[in-house]
Amino acid sequence: VIHDIMTVLMRADRNQDFTIGPSELNVIIFSLKNIDGIDFNEKLFRELLEAHGDKYDNEEGHYKIDGAMRVIRNLLDDDVPEEYNVFNIRTDQLKHASKKA
């Protein structure tokens, strides 16, 4: 799952400038919503990205890609309270998705 999420980030950076602009962010959010086996909290993702996403040159809606990766890393932190989880892994869906592949 983590590999899928990181791949989404890297592929969305089409111009490979290591920043996420507004259109790239829309692609990321669309793609994250469509990963089998996770529930994605878009509202919380946007809030955390705004708060901790390292704005790029203070441009509105532009973030450094490593700032977005830092937000995504909350998936790995067992100490994050449930209400602050951007992602919730659905193991039942993961098993079902792997059987389809």
C-alpha atoms as a PDB file:
ATOM      1  CA  VAL A   1       0.000   0.000   0.000  1.00  0.00           C
ATOM      2  CA  ILE A   2       2.770   2.451   0.905  1.00  0.00           C
ATOM      3  CA  HIS A   3       4.496   1.725  -2.392  1.00  0.00           C
ATOM      4  CA  ASP A   4       1.242   2.471  -4.239  1.00  0.00           C
ATOM      5  CA  ILE A   5       0.848   5.786  -2.419  1.00  0.00           C
ATOM      6  CA  MET A   6       4.436   6.869  -3.088  1.00  0.00           C
ATOM      7  CA  THR A   7       4.057   5.884  -6.748  1.00  0.00           C
ATOM      8  CA  VAL A   8       0.970   8.099  -6.983  1.00  0.00           C
ATOM      9  CA  LEU A   9       2.991  11.052  -5.683  1.00  0.00           C
ATOM     10  CA  MET A  10       5.915  10.563  -8.014  1.00  0.00           C
ATOM     11  CA  ARG A  11       3.775   9.964 -11.118  1.00  0.00           C
ATOM     12  CA  ALA A  12       1.665  13.038 -10.434  1.00  0.00           C
ATOM     13  CA  ASP A  13       4.769  15.248 -10.629  1.00  0.00           C
ATOM     14  CA  ARG A  14       4.610  15.203 -14.427  1.00  0.00           C
ATOM     15  CA  ASN A  15       7.122  18.008 -14.978  1.00  0.00           C
ATOM     16  CA  GLN A  16       9.506  16.429 -12.441  1.00  0.00           C
ATOM     17  CA  ASP A  17      10.147  19.664 -10.561  1.00  0.00           C
ATOM     18  CA  PHE A  18       9.530  17.985  -7.175  1.00  0.00           C
ATOM     19  CA  THR A  19       6.669  20.349  -6.464  1.00  0.00           C
ATOM     20  CA  ILE A  20       2.955  19.696  -6.436  1.00  0.00           C
ATOM     21  CA  GLY A  21       0.830  22.320  -8.101  1.00  0.00           C
ATOM     22  CA  PRO A  22      -2.963  22.550  -7.973  1.00  0.00           C
ATOM     23  CA  SER A  23      -3.596  20.328 -11.014  1.00  0.00           C
ATOM     24  CA  GLU A  24      -1.068  17.747  -9.792  1.00  0.00           C
ATOM     25  CA  LEU A  25      -2.744  17.775  -6.380  1.00  0.00           C
ATOM     26  CA  ASN A  26      -6.073  16.981  -8.017  1.00  0.00           C
ATOM     27  CA  VAL A  27      -4.494  13.999  -9.806  1.00  0.00           C
ATOM     28  CA  ILE A  28      -2.963  12.795  -6.517  1.00  0.00           C
ATOM     29  CA  ILE A  29      -6.264  13.019  -4.668  1.00  0.00           C
ATOM     30  CA  PHE A  30      -8.162  11.249  -7.447  1.00  0.00           C
ATOM     31  CA  SER A  31      -5.570   8.473  -7.532  1.00  0.00           C
ATOM     32  CA  LEU A  32      -5.424   8.064  -3.745  1.00  0.00           C
ATOM     33  CA  LYS A  33      -9.195   7.718  -3.605  1.00  0.00           C
ATOM     34  CA  ASN A  34      -8.934   4.820  -6.043  1.00  0.00           C
ATOM     35  CA  ILE A  35      -6.314   2.649  -4.341  1.00  0.00           C
ATOM     36  CA  ASP A  36      -7.838  -0.670  -3.333  1.00  0.00           C
ATOM     37  CA  GLY A  37      -7.563  -1.458   0.335  1.00  0.00           C
ATOM     38  CA  ILE A  38      -7.429   2.021   1.843  1.00  0.00           C
ATOM     39  CA  ASP A  39      -9.892   4.618   3.003  1.00  0.00           C
ATOM     40  CA  PHE A  40      -8.526   8.055   2.149  1.00  0.00           C
ATOM     41  CA  ASN A  41      -9.503  11.152   4.153  1.00  0.00           C
ATOM     42  CA  GLU A  42      -9.196  13.914   1.556  1.00  0.00           C
ATOM     43  CA  LYS A  43     -10.239  16.714   3.910  1.00  0.00           C
ATOM     44  CA  LEU A  44      -7.603  15.782   6.481  1.00  0.00           C
ATOM     45  CA  PHE A  45      -4.971  15.298   3.762  1.00  0.00           C
ATOM     46  CA  ARG A  46      -5.595  18.827   2.468  1.00  0.00           C
ATOM     47  CA  GLU A  47      -5.522  20.277   6.002  1.00  0.00           C
ATOM     48  CA  LEU A  48      -2.255  18.531   6.887  1.00  0.00           C
ATOM     49  CA  LEU A  49      -0.690  19.440   3.558  1.00  0.00           C
ATOM     50  CA  GLU A  50      -1.586  23.074   4.148  1.00  0.00           C
ATOM     51  CA  ALA A  51      -0.180  22.973   7.683  1.00  0.00           C
ATOM     52  CA  HIS A  52       2.894  20.780   7.153  1.00  0.00           C
ATOM     53  CA  GLY A  53       3.434  20.501   3.420  1.00  0.00           C
ATOM     54  CA  ASP A  54       6.304  22.972   2.937  1.00  0.00           C
ATOM     55  CA  LYS A  55       4.826  25.531   0.587  1.00  0.00           C
ATOM     56  CA  TYR A  56       6.987  26.084  -2.456  1.00  0.00           C
ATOM     57  CA  ASP A  57       8.205  29.663  -2.759  1.00  0.00           C
ATOM     58  CA  ASN A  58       5.085  30.765  -0.895  1.00  0.00           C
ATOM     59  CA  GLU A  59       3.000  30.150  -4.014  1.00  0.00           C
ATOM     60  CA  GLU A  60      -0.608  29.448  -3.140  1.00  0.00           C
ATOM     61  CA  GLY A  61      -1.428  25.803  -3.757  1.00  0.00           C
ATOM     62  CA  HIS A  62       2.156  24.721  -4.516  1.00  0.00           C
ATOM     63  CA  TYR A  63       3.955  22.302  -2.194  1.00  0.00           C
ATOM     64  CA  LYS A  64       7.296  20.546  -2.136  1.00  0.00           C
ATOM     65  CA  ILE A  65       6.818  16.871  -2.852  1.00  0.00           C
ATOM     66  CA  ASP A  66       8.788  15.878   0.262  1.00  0.00           C
ATOM     67  CA  GLY A  67       6.275  17.844   2.355  1.00  0.00           C
ATOM     68  CA  ALA A  68       3.484  15.736   0.863  1.00  0.00           C
ATOM     69  CA  MET A  69       5.491  12.598   1.591  1.00  0.00           C
ATOM     70  CA  ARG A  70       5.825  13.694   5.209  1.00  0.00           C
ATOM     71  CA  VAL A  71       2.027  13.964   5.443  1.00  0.00           C
ATOM     72  CA  ILE A  72       1.644  10.511   3.913  1.00  0.00           C
ATOM     73  CA  ARG A  73       4.106   8.999   6.386  1.00  0.00           C
ATOM     74  CA  ASN A  74       1.427   9.219   9.059  1.00  0.00           C
ATOM     75  CA  LEU A  75       0.302   5.866   7.686  1.00  0.00           C
ATOM     76  CA  LEU A  76       3.418   4.361   9.283  1.00  0.00           C
ATOM     77  CA  ASP A  77       2.990   5.993  12.685  1.00  0.00           C
ATOM     78  CA  ASP A  78       1.072   3.825  15.150  1.00  0.00           C
ATOM     79  CA  ASP A  79       0.918   6.734  17.620  1.00  0.00           C
ATOM     80  CA  VAL A  80      -1.284   8.882  15.370  1.00  0.00           C
ATOM     81  CA  PRO A  81      -4.806   9.028  16.827  1.00  0.00           C
ATOM     82  CA  GLU A  82      -7.471   7.552  14.559  1.00  0.00           C
ATOM     83  CA  GLU A  83      -9.083  10.936  13.907  1.00  0.00           C
ATOM     84  CA  TYR A  84      -5.772  12.131  12.396  1.00  0.00           C
ATOM     85  CA  ASN A  85      -5.250   9.170  10.078  1.00  0.00           C
ATOM     86  CA  VAL A  86      -5.183  10.244   6.459  1.00  0.00           C
ATOM     87  CA  PHE A  87      -5.304   6.579   5.465  1.00  0.00           C
ATOM     88  CA  ASN A  88      -7.010   3.593   7.028  1.00  0.00           C
ATOM     89  CA  ILE A  89      -5.958   0.236   5.667  1.00  0.00           C
ATOM     90  CA  ARG A  90      -8.830  -2.136   4.918  1.00  0.00           C
ATOM     91  CA  THR A  91      -7.241  -5.568   5.088  1.00  0.00           C
ATOM     92  CA  ASP A  92     -10.441  -7.259   3.920  1.00  0.00           C
ATOM     93  CA  GLN A  93     -10.327  -5.186   0.710  1.00  0.00           C
ATOM     94  CA  LEU A  94      -6.617  -5.893   0.240  1.00  0.00           C
ATOM     95  CA  LYS A  95      -7.239  -9.627   0.309  1.00  0.00           C
ATOM     96  CA  HIS A  96     -10.074  -9.276  -2.194  1.00  0.00           C
ATOM     97  CA  ALA A  97      -7.992  -7.046  -4.504  1.00  0.00           C
ATOM     98  CA  SER A  98      -5.064  -9.474  -4.508  1.00  0.00           C
ATOM     99  CA  LYS A  99      -7.370 -12.311  -5.544  1.00  0.00           C
ATOM    100  CA  LYS A 100      -8.526 -10.267  -8.573  1.00  0.00           C
ATOM    101  CA  ALA A 101      -4.955  -9.687  -9.755  1.00  0.00           C
END
